[in-house]
Structures are given as structure tokens and as C-alpha cells.
Amino acid sequence: MQDKISKKIGQKYFWDVDPSTLDLTKNSEYIIARILEYGDPEAIHWMFAKFDQKKIRDVFKTHRGFSPRTIYFWKSFFDLRENQILCLKKPYLETQKRLWPY
């Protein structure tokens, strides 16, 4: 596995950091979460080529920053129940409503 992110993927999805500093091993959770949330079909394909599906699934289950649309798409894709996804657990949802009640 190449240890760096491709230039095309890096420029499109990692606008807040220098993509050349991202390491696929050290920054795998950040990279996977960003691609799950914002990735187009090309980026998704790249992600599945670079990372093990179990790793991708685990990041999805434990990361809290996904939008509802992203959550329900990947929930169906990975055939998960709501109680297996951290950002769908009730305490997190209640915290979100207190911070942004709209």
C-alpha cells in the first residue's frame, strides 16, 4: 500500500490540511471518515482499494461527525443496526440538539 494520498483525492477532499502530509497508515481514520462523508464514486472506489473493508466499517461505526444522509446510506451499505453506530446513540443525539436546536 502506498503511504501517501493521491494528489487528485487530496486536493478535492482535504482542503483544510496539506494533503502531502497525510499518511494512509497514521491518518487512516481521518481519511476514511472524510471520504465516507464527502466522497464521490471515484473517491469511494479509491478508499476501498486502499483500506480494508473492516477498517472502513469500524471507522463508520465509531466516528461521530457524519451527517444523517451519510449515516443512513452507509448503515444500509454495511447492513448495520442503529445501535451499532455511535453517532446514532441517544446521548449523542441529545447533545447535538442542545448545541444546535434547529
PDB file of N, CA and C in Angstrom:
ATOM      1  N   MET A   1       0.847  -1.180   0.000  1.00  0.00           N
ATOM      2  CA  MET A   1       0.000   0.000   0.000  1.00  0.00           C
ATOM      3  C   MET A   1       0.892   1.242   0.000  1.00  0.00           C
ATOM      4  N   GLN A   2       0.623   2.141  -0.915  1.00  0.00           N
ATOM      5  CA  GLN A   2       1.336   3.414  -0.948  1.00  0.00           C
ATOM      6  C   GLN A   2       0.964   4.198   0.301  1.00  0.00           C
ATOM      7  N   ASP A   3       1.948   4.842   0.920  1.00  0.00           N
ATOM      8  CA  ASP A   3       1.702   5.522   2.183  1.00  0.00           C
ATOM      9  C   ASP A   3       1.183   6.945   2.051  1.00  0.00           C
ATOM     10  N   LYS A   4       1.008   7.439   0.849  1.00  0.00           N
ATOM     11  CA  LYS A   4       0.541   8.807   0.649  1.00  0.00           C
ATOM     12  C   LYS A   4      -0.774   8.812  -0.121  1.00  0.00           C
ATOM     13  N   ILE A   5      -1.513   9.862   0.061  1.00  0.00           N
ATOM     14  CA  ILE A   5      -2.801  10.028  -0.607  1.00  0.00           C
ATOM     15  C   ILE A   5      -2.555  10.561  -2.027  1.00  0.00           C
ATOM     16  N   SER A   6      -3.388  10.168  -2.975  1.00  0.00           N
ATOM     17  CA  SER A   6      -3.201  10.644  -4.350  1.00  0.00           C
ATOM     18  C   SER A   6      -3.457  12.152  -4.415  1.00  0.00           C
ATOM     19  N   LYS A   7      -2.788  12.802  -5.341  1.00  0.00           N
ATOM     20  CA  LYS A   7      -2.889  14.262  -5.464  1.00  0.00           C
ATOM     21  C   LYS A   7      -4.327  14.691  -5.770  1.00  0.00           C
ATOM     22  N   LYS A   8      -4.992  13.974  -6.669  1.00  0.00           N
ATOM     23  CA  LYS A   8      -6.364  14.324  -7.062  1.00  0.00           C
ATOM     24  C   LYS A   8      -7.328  14.209  -5.874  1.00  0.00           C
ATOM     25  N   ILE A   9      -7.250  13.110  -5.150  1.00  0.00           N
ATOM     26  CA  ILE A   9      -8.113  12.901  -3.980  1.00  0.00           C
ATOM     27  C   ILE A   9      -7.761  13.932  -2.901  1.00  0.00           C
ATOM     28  N   GLY A  10      -6.488  14.152  -2.693  1.00  0.00           N
ATOM     29  CA  GLY A  10      -6.040  15.080  -1.664  1.00  0.00           C
ATOM     30  C   GLY A  10      -6.544  16.495  -1.870  1.00  0.00           C
ATOM     31  N   GLN A  11      -6.440  16.987  -3.089  1.00  0.00           N
ATOM     32  CA  GLN A  11      -6.875  18.357  -3.373  1.00  0.00           C
ATOM     33  C   GLN A  11      -8.384  18.520  -3.233  1.00  0.00           C
ATOM     34  N   LYS A  12      -9.120  17.509  -3.607  1.00  0.00           N
ATOM     35  CA  LYS A  12     -10.579  17.622  -3.612  1.00  0.00           C
ATOM     36  C   LYS A  12     -11.201  17.477  -2.223  1.00  0.00           C
ATOM     37  N   TYR A  13     -10.647  16.605  -1.382  1.00  0.00           N
ATOM     38  CA  TYR A  13     -11.308  16.274  -0.119  1.00  0.00           C
ATOM     39  C   TYR A  13     -10.584  16.716   1.145  1.00  0.00           C
ATOM     40  N   PHE A  14      -9.363  17.162   1.015  1.00  0.00           N
ATOM     41  CA  PHE A  14      -8.600  17.546   2.207  1.00  0.00           C
ATOM     42  C   PHE A  14      -8.129  18.988   2.075  1.00  0.00           C
ATOM     43  N   TRP A  15      -9.101  19.868   1.959  1.00  0.00           N
ATOM     44  CA  TRP A  15      -8.848  21.289   1.758  1.00  0.00           C
ATOM     45  C   TRP A  15      -8.316  21.979   3.008  1.00  0.00           C
ATOM     46  N   ASP A  16      -8.530  21.379   4.168  1.00  0.00           N
ATOM     47  CA  ASP A  16      -8.148  22.011   5.425  1.00  0.00           C
ATOM     48  C   ASP A  16      -6.761  21.622   5.924  1.00  0.00           C
ATOM     49  N   VAL A  17      -6.102  20.722   5.221  1.00  0.00           N
ATOM     50  CA  VAL A  17      -4.744  20.304   5.581  1.00  0.00           C
ATOM     51  C   VAL A  17      -3.907  20.208   4.307  1.00  0.00           C
ATOM     52  N   ASP A  18      -2.616  20.087   4.481  1.00  0.00           N
ATOM     53  CA  ASP A  18      -1.739  19.851   3.338  1.00  0.00           C
ATOM     54  C   ASP A  18      -1.815  18.359   3.021  1.00  0.00           C
ATOM     55  N   PRO A  19      -2.447  17.983   1.899  1.00  0.00           N
ATOM     56  CA  PRO A  19      -2.621  16.564   1.593  1.00  0.00           C
ATOM     57  C   PRO A  19      -1.315  15.771   1.511  1.00  0.00           C
ATOM     58  N   SER A  20      -0.222  16.444   1.185  1.00  0.00           N
ATOM     59  CA  SER A  20       1.055  15.731   1.080  1.00  0.00           C
ATOM     60  C   SER A  20       1.567  15.272   2.447  1.00  0.00           C
ATOM     61  N   THR A  21       1.014  15.810   3.527  1.00  0.00           N
ATOM     62  CA  THR A  21       1.435  15.399   4.865  1.00  0.00           C
ATOM     63  C   THR A  21       0.601  14.231   5.404  1.00  0.00           C
ATOM     64  N   LEU A  22      -0.460  13.868   4.702  1.00  0.00           N
ATOM     65  CA  LEU A  22      -1.312  12.770   5.171  1.00  0.00           C
ATOM     66  C   LEU A  22      -0.654  11.427   4.882  1.00  0.00           C
ATOM     67  N   ASP A  23      -0.674  10.582   5.865  1.00  0.00           N
ATOM     68  CA  ASP A  23      -0.120   9.238   5.758  1.00  0.00           C
ATOM     69  C   ASP A  23      -1.287   8.253   5.854  1.00  0.00           C
ATOM     70  N   LEU A  24      -1.370   7.322   4.920  1.00  0.00           N
ATOM     71  CA  LEU A  24      -2.502   6.390   4.891  1.00  0.00           C
ATOM     72  C   LEU A  24      -2.568   5.497   6.122  1.00  0.00           C
ATOM     73  N   THR A  25      -1.456   5.267   6.771  1.00  0.00           N
ATOM     74  CA  THR A  25      -1.467   4.439   7.977  1.00  0.00           C
ATOM     75  C   THR A  25      -1.779   5.276   9.210  1.00  0.00           C
ATOM     76  N   LYS A  26      -1.040   6.348   9.392  1.00  0.00           N
ATOM     77  CA  LYS A  26      -1.203   7.179  10.592  1.00  0.00           C
ATOM     78  C   LYS A  26      -2.510   7.956  10.603  1.00  0.00           C
ATOM     79  N   ASN A  27      -2.969   8.391   9.450  1.00  0.00           N
ATOM     80  CA  ASN A  27      -4.174   9.230   9.353  1.00  0.00           C
ATOM     81  C   ASN A  27      -5.357   8.493   8.749  1.00  0.00           C
ATOM     82  N   SER A  28      -5.370   7.186   8.847  1.00  0.00           N
ATOM     83  CA  SER A  28      -6.390   6.386   8.164  1.00  0.00           C
ATOM     84  C   SER A  28      -7.811   6.729   8.602  1.00  0.00           C
ATOM     85  N   GLU A  29      -8.047   6.914   9.893  1.00  0.00           N
ATOM     86  CA  GLU A  29      -9.406   7.203  10.355  1.00  0.00           C
ATOM     87  C   GLU A  29      -9.903   8.541   9.817  1.00  0.00           C
ATOM     88  N   TYR A  30      -9.059   9.542   9.845  1.00  0.00           N
ATOM     89  CA  TYR A  30      -9.419  10.861   9.316  1.00  0.00           C
ATOM     90  C   TYR A  30      -9.725  10.775   7.814  1.00  0.00           C
ATOM     91  N   ILE A  31      -8.873  10.087   7.078  1.00  0.00           N
ATOM     92  CA  ILE A  31      -9.044   9.961   5.629  1.00  0.00           C
ATOM     93  C   ILE A  31     -10.335   9.215   5.309  1.00  0.00           C
ATOM     94  N   ILE A  32     -10.558   8.097   5.966  1.00  0.00           N
ATOM     95  CA  ILE A  32     -11.751   7.285   5.716  1.00  0.00           C
ATOM     96  C   ILE A  32     -13.013   8.077   6.056  1.00  0.00           C
ATOM     97  N   ALA A  33     -13.031   8.734   7.204  1.00  0.00           N
ATOM     98  CA  ALA A  33     -14.218   9.489   7.608  1.00  0.00           C
ATOM     99  C   ALA A  33     -14.527  10.594   6.596  1.00  0.00           C
ATOM    100  N   ARG A  34     -13.513  11.286   6.124  1.00  0.00           N
ATOM    101  CA  ARG A  34     -13.721  12.372   5.161  1.00  0.00           C
ATOM    102  C   ARG A  34     -14.275  11.827   3.840  1.00  0.00           C
ATOM    103  N   ILE A  35     -13.737  10.702   3.384  1.00  0.00           N
ATOM    104  CA  ILE A  35     -14.219  10.117   2.128  1.00  0.00           C
ATOM    105  C   ILE A  35     -15.637   9.569   2.302  1.00  0.00           C
ATOM    106  N   LEU A  36     -15.925   8.952   3.439  1.00  0.00           N
ATOM    107  CA  LEU A  36     -17.290   8.466   3.677  1.00  0.00           C
ATOM    108  C   LEU A  36     -18.296   9.601   3.637  1.00  0.00           C
ATOM    109  N   GLU A  37     -17.937  10.738   4.197  1.00  0.00           N
ATOM    110  CA  GLU A  37     -18.855  11.876   4.259  1.00  0.00           C
ATOM    111  C   GLU A  37     -18.974  12.610   2.926  1.00  0.00           C
ATOM    112  N   TYR A  38     -17.872  12.867   2.257  1.00  0.00           N
ATOM    113  CA  TYR A  38     -17.892  13.751   1.088  1.00  0.00           C
ATOM    114  C   TYR A  38     -17.553  13.078  -0.237  1.00  0.00           C
ATOM    115  N   GLY A  39     -17.108  11.847  -0.212  1.00  0.00           N
ATOM    116  CA  GLY A  39     -16.564  11.212  -1.405  1.00  0.00           C
ATOM    117  C   GLY A  39     -17.553  10.957  -2.525  1.00  0.00           C
ATOM    118  N   ASP A  40     -17.069  11.129  -3.746  1.00  0.00           N
ATOM    119  CA  ASP A  40     -17.839  10.755  -4.926  1.00  0.00           C
ATOM    120  C   ASP A  40     -17.496   9.291  -5.253  1.00  0.00           C
ATOM    121  N   PRO A  41     -18.138   8.704  -6.257  1.00  0.00           N
ATOM    122  CA  PRO A  41     -17.857   7.289  -6.561  1.00  0.00           C
ATOM    123  C   PRO A  41     -16.375   6.983  -6.802  1.00  0.00           C
ATOM    124  N   GLU A  42     -15.663   7.888  -7.445  1.00  0.00           N
ATOM    125  CA  GLU A  42     -14.240   7.663  -7.691  1.00  0.00           C
ATOM    126  C   GLU A  42     -13.450   7.607  -6.382  1.00  0.00           C
ATOM    127  N   ALA A  43     -13.746   8.522  -5.473  1.00  0.00           N
ATOM    128  CA  ALA A  43     -13.055   8.554  -4.185  1.00  0.00           C
ATOM    129  C   ALA A  43     -13.417   7.341  -3.334  1.00  0.00           C
ATOM    130  N   ILE A  44     -14.664   6.932  -3.380  1.00  0.00           N
ATOM    131  CA  ILE A  44     -15.101   5.740  -2.635  1.00  0.00           C
ATOM    132  C   ILE A  44     -14.365   4.506  -3.156  1.00  0.00           C
ATOM    133  N   HIS A  45     -14.271   4.384  -4.459  1.00  0.00           N
ATOM    134  CA  HIS A  45     -13.557   3.260  -5.061  1.00  0.00           C
ATOM    135  C   HIS A  45     -12.087   3.270  -4.628  1.00  0.00           C
ATOM    136  N   TRP A  46     -11.466   4.446  -4.650  1.00  0.00           N
ATOM    137  CA  TRP A  46     -10.079   4.586  -4.220  1.00  0.00           C
ATOM    138  C   TRP A  46      -9.932   4.144  -2.762  1.00  0.00           C
ATOM    139  N   MET A  47     -10.870   4.591  -1.897  1.00  0.00           N
ATOM    140  CA  MET A  47     -10.818   4.253  -0.477  1.00  0.00           C
ATOM    141  C   MET A  47     -10.879   2.734  -0.269  1.00  0.00           C
ATOM    142  N   PHE A  48     -11.799   2.071  -0.979  1.00  0.00           N
ATOM    143  CA  PHE A  48     -11.921   0.621  -0.818  1.00  0.00           C
ATOM    144  C   PHE A  48     -10.711  -0.118  -1.383  1.00  0.00           C
ATOM    145  N   ALA A  49     -10.008   0.486  -2.320  1.00  0.00           N
ATOM    146  CA  ALA A  49      -8.787  -0.123  -2.851  1.00  0.00           C
ATOM    147  C   ALA A  49      -7.619   0.032  -1.871  1.00  0.00           C
ATOM    148  N   LYS A  50      -7.624   1.099  -1.093  1.00  0.00           N
ATOM    149  CA  LYS A  50      -6.510   1.401  -0.194  1.00  0.00           C
ATOM    150  C   LYS A  50      -6.681   0.847   1.215  1.00  0.00           C
ATOM    151  N   PHE A  51      -7.924   0.697   1.673  1.00  0.00           N
ATOM    152  CA  PHE A  51      -8.179   0.286   3.053  1.00  0.00           C
ATOM    153  C   PHE A  51      -9.033  -0.974   3.091  1.00  0.00           C
ATOM    154  N   ASP A  52      -8.828  -1.767   4.123  1.00  0.00           N
ATOM    155  CA  ASP A  52      -9.608  -2.970   4.360  1.00  0.00           C
ATOM    156  C   ASP A  52     -11.056  -2.589   4.684  1.00  0.00           C
ATOM    157  N   GLN A  53     -12.017  -3.348   4.162  1.00  0.00           N
ATOM    158  CA  GLN A  53     -13.421  -3.029   4.392  1.00  0.00           C
ATOM    159  C   GLN A  53     -13.767  -3.060   5.880  1.00  0.00           C
ATOM    160  N   LYS A  54     -13.149  -3.939   6.638  1.00  0.00           N
ATOM    161  CA  LYS A  54     -13.413  -3.985   8.082  1.00  0.00           C
ATOM    162  C   LYS A  54     -12.971  -2.678   8.737  1.00  0.00           C
ATOM    163  N   LYS A  55     -11.838  -2.138   8.335  1.00  0.00           N
ATOM    164  CA  LYS A  55     -11.349  -0.866   8.879  1.00  0.00           C
ATOM    165  C   LYS A  55     -12.324   0.264   8.543  1.00  0.00           C
ATOM    166  N   ILE A  56     -12.802   0.292   7.309  1.00  0.00           N
ATOM    167  CA  ILE A  56     -13.749   1.323   6.876  1.00  0.00           C
ATOM    168  C   ILE A  56     -15.032   1.222   7.696  1.00  0.00           C
ATOM    169  N   ARG A  57     -15.517   0.014   7.858  1.00  0.00           N
ATOM    170  CA  ARG A  57     -16.740  -0.230   8.632  1.00  0.00           C
ATOM    171  C   ARG A  57     -16.564   0.204  10.087  1.00  0.00           C
ATOM    172  N   ASP A  58     -15.408  -0.113  10.674  1.00  0.00           N
ATOM    173  CA  ASP A  58     -15.146   0.267  12.065  1.00  0.00           C
ATOM    174  C   ASP A  58     -15.081   1.785  12.228  1.00  0.00           C
ATOM    175  N   VAL A  59     -14.467   2.467  11.284  1.00  0.00           N
ATOM    176  CA  VAL A  59     -14.421   3.934  11.338  1.00  0.00           C
ATOM    177  C   VAL A  59     -15.839   4.480  11.258  1.00  0.00           C
ATOM    178  N   PHE A  60     -16.636   3.941  10.355  1.00  0.00           N
ATOM    179  CA  PHE A  60     -18.017   4.399  10.238  1.00  0.00           C
ATOM    180  C   PHE A  60     -18.784   4.193  11.545  1.00  0.00           C
ATOM    181  N   LYS A  61     -18.603   3.061  12.165  1.00  0.00           N
ATOM    182  CA  LYS A  61     -19.338   2.756  13.392  1.00  0.00           C
ATOM    183  C   LYS A  61     -18.934   3.641  14.567  1.00  0.00           C
ATOM    184  N   THR A  62     -17.702   4.129  14.599  1.00  0.00           N
ATOM    185  CA  THR A  62     -17.212   4.845  15.779  1.00  0.00           C
ATOM    186  C   THR A  62     -17.038   6.349  15.582  1.00  0.00           C
ATOM    187  N   HIS A  63     -17.054   6.832  14.376  1.00  0.00           N
ATOM    188  CA  HIS A  63     -16.874   8.272  14.125  1.00  0.00           C
ATOM    189  C   HIS A  63     -18.190   8.997  14.396  1.00  0.00           C
ATOM    190  N   ARG A  64     -18.126  10.187  14.976  1.00  0.00           N
ATOM    191  CA  ARG A  64     -19.339  10.898  15.361  1.00  0.00           C
ATOM    192  C   ARG A  64     -19.739  12.029  14.434  1.00  0.00           C
ATOM    193  N   GLY A  65     -18.953  12.385  13.451  1.00  0.00           N
ATOM    194  CA  GLY A  65     -19.208  13.597  12.700  1.00  0.00           C
ATOM    195  C   GLY A  65     -19.967  13.448  11.396  1.00  0.00           C
ATOM    196  N   PHE A  66     -20.718  12.400  11.213  1.00  0.00           N
ATOM    197  CA  PHE A  66     -21.411  12.192   9.944  1.00  0.00           C
ATOM    198  C   PHE A  66     -22.774  12.868   9.898  1.00  0.00           C
ATOM    199  N   SER A  67     -23.164  13.289   8.711  1.00  0.00           N
ATOM    200  CA  SER A  67     -24.499  13.852   8.502  1.00  0.00           C
ATOM    201  C   SER A  67     -25.519  12.716   8.486  1.00  0.00           C
ATOM    202  N   PRO A  68     -26.795  13.022   8.749  1.00  0.00           N
ATOM    203  CA  PRO A  68     -27.818  11.967   8.716  1.00  0.00           C
ATOM    204  C   PRO A  68     -27.872  11.244   7.368  1.00  0.00           C
ATOM    205  N   ARG A  69     -27.738  11.961   6.282  1.00  0.00           N
ATOM    206  CA  ARG A  69     -27.782  11.326   4.955  1.00  0.00           C
ATOM    207  C   ARG A  69     -26.642  10.310   4.807  1.00  0.00           C
ATOM    208  N   THR A  70     -25.464  10.683   5.249  1.00  0.00           N
ATOM    209  CA  THR A  70     -24.307   9.782   5.188  1.00  0.00           C
ATOM    210  C   THR A  70     -24.520   8.583   6.086  1.00  0.00           C
ATOM    211  N   ILE A  71     -25.008   8.823   7.282  1.00  0.00           N
ATOM    212  CA  ILE A  71     -25.225   7.737   8.244  1.00  0.00           C
ATOM    213  C   ILE A  71     -26.154   6.673   7.663  1.00  0.00           C
ATOM    214  N   TYR A  72     -27.288   7.095   7.137  1.00  0.00           N
ATOM    215  CA  TYR A  72     -28.264   6.107   6.677  1.00  0.00           C
ATOM    216  C   TYR A  72     -27.854   5.420   5.386  1.00  0.00           C
ATOM    217  N   PHE A  73     -27.062   6.094   4.547  1.00  0.00           N
ATOM    218  CA  PHE A  73     -26.540   5.417   3.356  1.00  0.00           C
ATOM    219  C   PHE A  73     -25.574   4.299   3.759  1.00  0.00           C
ATOM    220  N   TRP A  74     -24.561   4.637   4.579  1.00  0.00           N
ATOM    221  CA  TRP A  74     -23.561   3.638   4.946  1.00  0.00           C
ATOM    222  C   TRP A  74     -24.128   2.595   5.907  1.00  0.00           C
ATOM    223  N   LYS A  75     -25.122   2.968   6.691  1.00  0.00           N
ATOM    224  CA  LYS A  75     -25.795   1.976   7.549  1.00  0.00           C
ATOM    225  C   LYS A  75     -26.395   0.874   6.685  1.00  0.00           C
ATOM    226  N   SER A  76     -27.038   1.263   5.607  1.00  0.00           N
ATOM    227  CA  SER A  76     -27.611   0.278   4.686  1.00  0.00           C
ATOM    228  C   SER A  76     -26.521  -0.491   3.943  1.00  0.00           C
ATOM    229  N   PHE A  77     -25.512   0.203   3.495  1.00  0.00           N
ATOM    230  CA  PHE A  77     -24.415  -0.435   2.754  1.00  0.00           C
ATOM    231  C   PHE A  77     -23.750  -1.522   3.588  1.00  0.00           C
ATOM    232  N   PHE A  78     -23.444  -1.206   4.855  1.00  0.00           N
ATOM    233  CA  PHE A  78     -22.770  -2.163   5.723  1.00  0.00           C
ATOM    234  C   PHE A  78     -23.738  -3.089   6.460  1.00  0.00           C
ATOM    235  N   ASP A  79     -25.041  -2.923   6.234  1.00  0.00           N
ATOM    236  CA  ASP A  79     -26.077  -3.744   6.862  1.00  0.00           C
ATOM    237  C   ASP A  79     -25.931  -3.746   8.392  1.00  0.00           C
ATOM    238  N   LEU A  80     -25.944  -2.543   8.961  1.00  0.00           N
ATOM    239  CA  LEU A  80     -25.800  -2.376  10.404  1.00  0.00           C
ATOM    240  C   LEU A  80     -27.119  -1.973  11.040  1.00  0.00           C
ATOM    241  N   ARG A  81     -27.244  -2.270  12.315  1.00  0.00           N
ATOM    242  CA  ARG A  81     -28.391  -1.803  13.087  1.00  0.00           C
ATOM    243  C   ARG A  81     -28.038  -0.449  13.707  1.00  0.00           C
ATOM    244  N   GLU A  82     -29.039   0.343  14.015  1.00  0.00           N
ATOM    245  CA  GLU A  82     -28.797   1.679  14.569  1.00  0.00           C
ATOM    246  C   GLU A  82     -28.002   1.636  15.861  1.00  0.00           C
ATOM    247  N   ASN A  83     -28.214   0.629  16.689  1.00  0.00           N
ATOM    248  CA  ASN A  83     -27.496   0.578  17.967  1.00  0.00           C
ATOM    249  C   ASN A  83     -26.015   0.230  17.802  1.00  0.00           C
ATOM    250  N   GLN A  84     -25.580  -0.102  16.591  1.00  0.00           N
ATOM    251  CA  GLN A  84     -24.173  -0.383  16.330  1.00  0.00           C
ATOM    252  C   GLN A  84     -23.401   0.868  15.897  1.00  0.00           C
ATOM    253  N   ILE A  85     -24.096   1.964  15.673  1.00  0.00           N
ATOM    254  CA  ILE A  85     -23.483   3.167  15.140  1.00  0.00           C
ATOM    255  C   ILE A  85     -23.443   4.226  16.240  1.00  0.00           C
ATOM    256  N   LEU A  86     -22.246   4.611  16.620  1.00  0.00           N
ATOM    257  CA  LEU A  86     -22.059   5.510  17.756  1.00  0.00           C
ATOM    258  C   LEU A  86     -22.813   6.823  17.607  1.00  0.00           C
ATOM    259  N   CYS A  87     -22.800   7.423  16.435  1.00  0.00           N
ATOM    260  CA  CYS A  87     -23.447   8.735  16.304  1.00  0.00           C
ATOM    261  C   CYS A  87     -24.968   8.654  16.253  1.00  0.00           C
ATOM    262  N   LEU A  88     -25.540   7.464  16.310  1.00  0.00           N
ATOM    263  CA  LEU A  88     -26.995   7.321  16.395  1.00  0.00           C
ATOM    264  C   LEU A  88     -27.456   6.975  17.806  1.00  0.00           C
ATOM    265  N   LYS A  89     -26.517   6.842  18.717  1.00  0.00           N
ATOM    266  CA  LYS A  89     -26.894   6.534  20.092  1.00  0.00           C
ATOM    267  C   LYS A  89     -27.507   7.762  20.741  1.00  0.00           C
ATOM    268  N   LYS A  90     -28.495   7.563  21.549  1.00  0.00           N
ATOM    269  CA  LYS A  90     -29.321   8.635  22.102  1.00  0.00           C
ATOM    270  C   LYS A  90     -28.534   9.754  22.802  1.00  0.00           C
ATOM    271  N   PRO A  91     -27.595   9.467  23.694  1.00  0.00           N
ATOM    272  CA  PRO A  91     -26.895  10.570  24.356  1.00  0.00           C
ATOM    273  C   PRO A  91     -26.218  11.530  23.373  1.00  0.00           C
ATOM    274  N   TYR A  92     -25.662  11.012  22.302  1.00  0.00           N
ATOM    275  CA  TYR A  92     -25.014  11.874  21.316  1.00  0.00           C
ATOM    276  C   TYR A  92     -26.039  12.736  20.592  1.00  0.00           C
ATOM    277  N   LEU A  93     -27.160  12.150  20.224  1.00  0.00           N
ATOM    278  CA  LEU A  93     -28.195  12.901  19.524  1.00  0.00           C
ATOM    279  C   LEU A  93     -28.760  14.012  20.408  1.00  0.00           C
ATOM    280  N   GLU A  94     -28.923  13.751  21.708  1.00  0.00           N
ATOM    281  CA  GLU A  94     -29.419  14.773  22.624  1.00  0.00           C
ATOM    282  C   GLU A  94     -28.408  15.913  22.766  1.00  0.00           C
ATOM    283  N   THR A  95     -27.134  15.599  22.806  1.00  0.00           N
ATOM    284  CA  THR A  95     -26.098  16.626  22.882  1.00  0.00           C
ATOM    285  C   THR A  95     -26.143  17.505  21.647  1.00  0.00           C
ATOM    286  N   GLN A  96     -26.294  16.904  20.500  1.00  0.00           N
ATOM    287  CA  GLN A  96     -26.357  17.659  19.253  1.00  0.00           C
ATOM    288  C   GLN A  96     -27.539  18.632  19.264  1.00  0.00           C
ATOM    289  N   LYS A  97     -28.682  18.202  19.749  1.00  0.00           N
ATOM    290  CA  LYS A  97     -29.868  19.066  19.786  1.00  0.00           C
ATOM    291  C   LYS A  97     -29.672  20.240  20.739  1.00  0.00           C
ATOM    292  N   ARG A  98     -28.974  20.021  21.845  1.00  0.00           N
ATOM    293  CA  ARG A  98     -28.717  21.120  22.773  1.00  0.00           C
ATOM    294  C   ARG A  98     -27.774  22.140  22.168  1.00  0.00           C
ATOM    295  N   LEU A  99     -26.787  21.679  21.404  1.00  0.00           N
ATOM    296  CA  LEU A  99     -25.827  22.593  20.806  1.00  0.00           C
ATOM    297  C   LEU A  99     -26.411  23.334  19.608  1.00  0.00           C
ATOM    298  N   TRP A 100     -27.250  22.652  18.842  1.00  0.00           N
ATOM    299  CA  TRP A 100     -27.852  23.250  17.641  1.00  0.00           C
ATOM    300  C   TRP A 100     -29.303  22.784  17.566  1.00  0.00           C
ATOM    301  N   PRO A 101     -30.229  23.529  18.190  1.00  0.00           N
ATOM    302  CA  PRO A 101     -31.612  23.063  18.338  1.00  0.00           C
ATOM    303  C   PRO A 101     -32.485  23.205  17.081  1.00  0.00           C
ATOM    304  N   TYR A 102     -31.899  23.322  15.922  1.00  0.00           N
ATOM    305  CA  TYR A 102     -32.694  23.541  14.706  1.00  0.00           C
ATOM    306  C   TYR A 102     -32.756  22.342  13.823  1.00  0.00           C
TER     307      TYR A 102
END
